[in-house]
């Protein structure tokens, strides 16, 4: 059996600083729901630039293209997109090629 590489992308966002706290709350809820309820969502991790907390990067790892497309149709993702649309000043999606992906089970769960 041939194993296909997961779909990996980086989402680079700039958020309206006045709405940053609300955005981060909604993002955390969406990530939690996605990882907990979608088997095809292998990992979602968000980080902010130390010198510019309104500039976020999200590492997204899905089992495959079908898992990503299913994710886009979920109620929790659609809610997140609708409620954050006016908060996001820019969004750039960068397709990535997996090279080496490893994590200890639960080691990246924060907060």
C-alpha atoms as a PDB file:
ATOM      1  CA  UNK A   1       0.000   0.000   0.000  1.00  0.00           C
ATOM      2  CA  UNK A   2       1.339   3.420  -0.981  1.00  0.00           C
ATOM      3  CA  UNK A   3       1.122   6.078   1.706  1.00  0.00           C
ATOM      4  CA  UNK A   4       0.267   9.536   0.433  1.00  0.00           C
ATOM      5  CA  UNK A   5       1.788  12.620   2.017  1.00  0.00           C
ATOM      6  CA  UNK A   6      -0.530  14.739   4.121  1.00  0.00           C
ATOM      7  CA  UNK A   7      -1.734  18.097   2.853  1.00  0.00           C
ATOM      8  CA  UNK A   8       0.259  20.801   4.648  1.00  0.00           C
ATOM      9  CA  UNK A   9      -0.183  24.539   4.431  1.00  0.00           C
ATOM     10  CA  UNK A  10       0.686  27.683   6.301  1.00  0.00           C
ATOM     11  CA  UNK A  11      -1.944  30.357   6.717  1.00  0.00           C
ATOM     12  CA  UNK A  12      -0.389  33.776   7.252  1.00  0.00           C
ATOM     13  CA  UNK A  13      -2.843  36.289   8.703  1.00  0.00           C
ATOM     14  CA  UNK A  14      -2.868  39.889   9.783  1.00  0.00           C
ATOM     15  CA  UNK A  15      -5.615  40.645  12.287  1.00  0.00           C
ATOM     16  CA  UNK A  16      -7.116  44.008  13.220  1.00  0.00           C
ATOM     17  CA  UNK A  17      -5.313  44.760  16.519  1.00  0.00           C
ATOM     18  CA  UNK A  18      -8.497  46.199  18.042  1.00  0.00           C
ATOM     19  CA  UNK A  19     -10.182  42.814  17.554  1.00  0.00           C
ATOM     20  CA  UNK A  20      -7.226  40.568  18.340  1.00  0.00           C
ATOM     21  CA  UNK A  21      -8.539  39.167  21.650  1.00  0.00           C
ATOM     22  CA  UNK A  22     -11.904  38.248  20.094  1.00  0.00           C
ATOM     23  CA  UNK A  23     -10.161  36.705  17.081  1.00  0.00           C
ATOM     24  CA  UNK A  24      -7.850  34.597  19.239  1.00  0.00           C
ATOM     25  CA  UNK A  25     -10.822  33.284  21.231  1.00  0.00           C
ATOM     26  CA  UNK A  26     -12.666  32.251  18.056  1.00  0.00           C
ATOM     27  CA  UNK A  27      -9.526  30.717  16.560  1.00  0.00           C
ATOM     28  CA  UNK A  28      -8.878  28.657  19.698  1.00  0.00           C
ATOM     29  CA  UNK A  29     -12.478  27.387  19.647  1.00  0.00           C
ATOM     30  CA  UNK A  30     -12.205  26.436  15.963  1.00  0.00           C
ATOM     31  CA  UNK A  31      -8.891  24.639  16.407  1.00  0.00           C
ATOM     32  CA  UNK A  32     -10.182  22.725  19.425  1.00  0.00           C
ATOM     33  CA  UNK A  33     -13.357  21.625  17.608  1.00  0.00           C
ATOM     34  CA  UNK A  34     -11.490  20.648  14.446  1.00  0.00           C
ATOM     35  CA  UNK A  35      -8.837  18.537  16.157  1.00  0.00           C
ATOM     36  CA  UNK A  36     -11.362  16.912  18.498  1.00  0.00           C
ATOM     37  CA  UNK A  37     -14.045  16.051  15.955  1.00  0.00           C
ATOM     38  CA  UNK A  38     -12.371  15.623  12.553  1.00  0.00           C
ATOM     39  CA  UNK A  39     -10.250  12.495  12.025  1.00  0.00           C
ATOM     40  CA  UNK A  40      -8.693  14.022   8.889  1.00  0.00           C
ATOM     41  CA  UNK A  41      -7.373  17.058  10.759  1.00  0.00           C
ATOM     42  CA  UNK A  42      -3.987  15.814  11.906  1.00  0.00           C
ATOM     43  CA  UNK A  43      -2.726  19.088  13.394  1.00  0.00           C
ATOM     44  CA  UNK A  44      -3.581  22.767  13.691  1.00  0.00           C
ATOM     45  CA  UNK A  45      -1.164  25.083  15.483  1.00  0.00           C
ATOM     46  CA  UNK A  46      -1.294  28.874  15.650  1.00  0.00           C
ATOM     47  CA  UNK A  47       1.551  31.177  16.627  1.00  0.00           C
ATOM     48  CA  UNK A  48       1.936  34.968  16.712  1.00  0.00           C
ATOM     49  CA  UNK A  49       4.998  37.042  15.917  1.00  0.00           C
ATOM     50  CA  UNK A  50       6.626  38.248  19.150  1.00  0.00           C
ATOM     51  CA  UNK A  51       7.147  41.750  17.780  1.00  0.00           C
ATOM     52  CA  UNK A  52       3.697  41.941  16.140  1.00  0.00           C
ATOM     53  CA  UNK A  53       1.006  39.861  17.929  1.00  0.00           C
ATOM     54  CA  UNK A  54      -1.559  40.712  15.238  1.00  0.00           C
ATOM     55  CA  UNK A  55       0.526  38.755  12.696  1.00  0.00           C
ATOM     56  CA  UNK A  56      -0.355  35.080  13.056  1.00  0.00           C
ATOM     57  CA  UNK A  57       0.754  31.920  11.301  1.00  0.00           C
ATOM     58  CA  UNK A  58      -1.288  28.734  11.397  1.00  0.00           C
ATOM     59  CA  UNK A  59       0.286  25.383  10.524  1.00  0.00           C
ATOM     60  CA  UNK A  60      -2.436  23.150   9.071  1.00  0.00           C
ATOM     61  CA  UNK A  61      -1.921  19.417   8.485  1.00  0.00           C
ATOM     62  CA  UNK A  62      -4.685  17.304   6.962  1.00  0.00           C
ATOM     63  CA  UNK A  63      -4.657  13.608   6.083  1.00  0.00           C
ATOM     64  CA  UNK A  64      -5.324  14.467   2.436  1.00  0.00           C
ATOM     65  CA  UNK A  65      -7.171  16.850   0.121  1.00  0.00           C
ATOM     66  CA  UNK A  66     -10.529  15.229   0.896  1.00  0.00           C
ATOM     67  CA  UNK A  67     -10.008  15.817   4.637  1.00  0.00           C
ATOM     68  CA  UNK A  68      -9.216  19.483   3.970  1.00  0.00           C
ATOM     69  CA  UNK A  69     -12.324  19.893   1.815  1.00  0.00           C
ATOM     70  CA  UNK A  70     -14.458  18.198   4.491  1.00  0.00           C
ATOM     71  CA  UNK A  71     -12.986  20.575   7.095  1.00  0.00           C
ATOM     72  CA  UNK A  72     -14.116  23.586   5.052  1.00  0.00           C
ATOM     73  CA  UNK A  73     -17.714  22.328   5.174  1.00  0.00           C
ATOM     74  CA  UNK A  74     -17.951  21.789   8.934  1.00  0.00           C
ATOM     75  CA  UNK A  75     -20.274  23.999  10.985  1.00  0.00           C
ATOM     76  CA  UNK A  76     -17.459  25.051  13.347  1.00  0.00           C
ATOM     77  CA  UNK A  77     -15.200  26.191  10.495  1.00  0.00           C
ATOM     78  CA  UNK A  78     -18.020  28.034   8.746  1.00  0.00           C
ATOM     79  CA  UNK A  79     -18.887  29.780  12.037  1.00  0.00           C
ATOM     80  CA  UNK A  80     -15.244  30.785  12.512  1.00  0.00           C
ATOM     81  CA  UNK A  81     -15.004  32.186   8.962  1.00  0.00           C
ATOM     82  CA  UNK A  82     -18.250  34.140   9.295  1.00  0.00           C
ATOM     83  CA  UNK A  83     -17.452  35.634  12.714  1.00  0.00           C
ATOM     84  CA  UNK A  84     -13.838  36.546  11.892  1.00  0.00           C
ATOM     85  CA  UNK A  85     -14.308  37.862   8.346  1.00  0.00           C
ATOM     86  CA  UNK A  86     -14.200  41.521   9.428  1.00  0.00           C
ATOM     87  CA  UNK A  87     -11.277  40.902  11.805  1.00  0.00           C
ATOM     88  CA  UNK A  88      -8.866  39.564   9.179  1.00  0.00           C
ATOM     89  CA  UNK A  89      -6.971  42.298   7.328  1.00  0.00           C
ATOM     90  CA  UNK A  90      -5.046  39.866   5.131  1.00  0.00           C
ATOM     91  CA  UNK A  91      -4.784  36.129   4.553  1.00  0.00           C
ATOM     92  CA  UNK A  92      -2.167  34.287   2.548  1.00  0.00           C
ATOM     93  CA  UNK A  93      -2.271  30.493   2.145  1.00  0.00           C
ATOM     94  CA  UNK A  94       1.045  28.843   1.336  1.00  0.00           C
ATOM     95  CA  UNK A  95       1.066  25.234   0.149  1.00  0.00           C
ATOM     96  CA  UNK A  96       3.917  23.306   1.746  1.00  0.00           C
ATOM     97  CA  UNK A  97       5.701  20.034   1.013  1.00  0.00           C
ATOM     98  CA  UNK A  98       6.139  17.813   4.061  1.00  0.00           C
ATOM     99  CA  UNK A  99       9.773  16.999   4.783  1.00  0.00           C
ATOM    100  CA  UNK A 100       9.764  15.641   8.345  1.00  0.00           C
ATOM    101  CA  UNK A 101       6.672  15.774  10.562  1.00  0.00           C
ATOM    102  CA  UNK A 102       6.856  14.502  14.138  1.00  0.00           C
ATOM    103  CA  UNK A 103       5.170  15.359  17.432  1.00  0.00           C
ATOM    104  CA  UNK A 104       4.847  13.703  20.793  1.00  0.00           C
ATOM    105  CA  UNK A 105       1.261  12.779  21.476  1.00  0.00           C
ATOM    106  CA  UNK A 106      -0.275  15.648  23.419  1.00  0.00           C
ATOM    107  CA  UNK A 107       3.075  17.448  23.735  1.00  0.00           C
ATOM    108  CA  UNK A 108       1.896  20.445  21.725  1.00  0.00           C
ATOM    109  CA  UNK A 109      -1.437  20.896  23.486  1.00  0.00           C
ATOM    110  CA  UNK A 110      -1.341  24.488  24.771  1.00  0.00           C
ATOM    111  CA  UNK A 111      -2.977  26.215  26.537  1.00  0.00           C
END
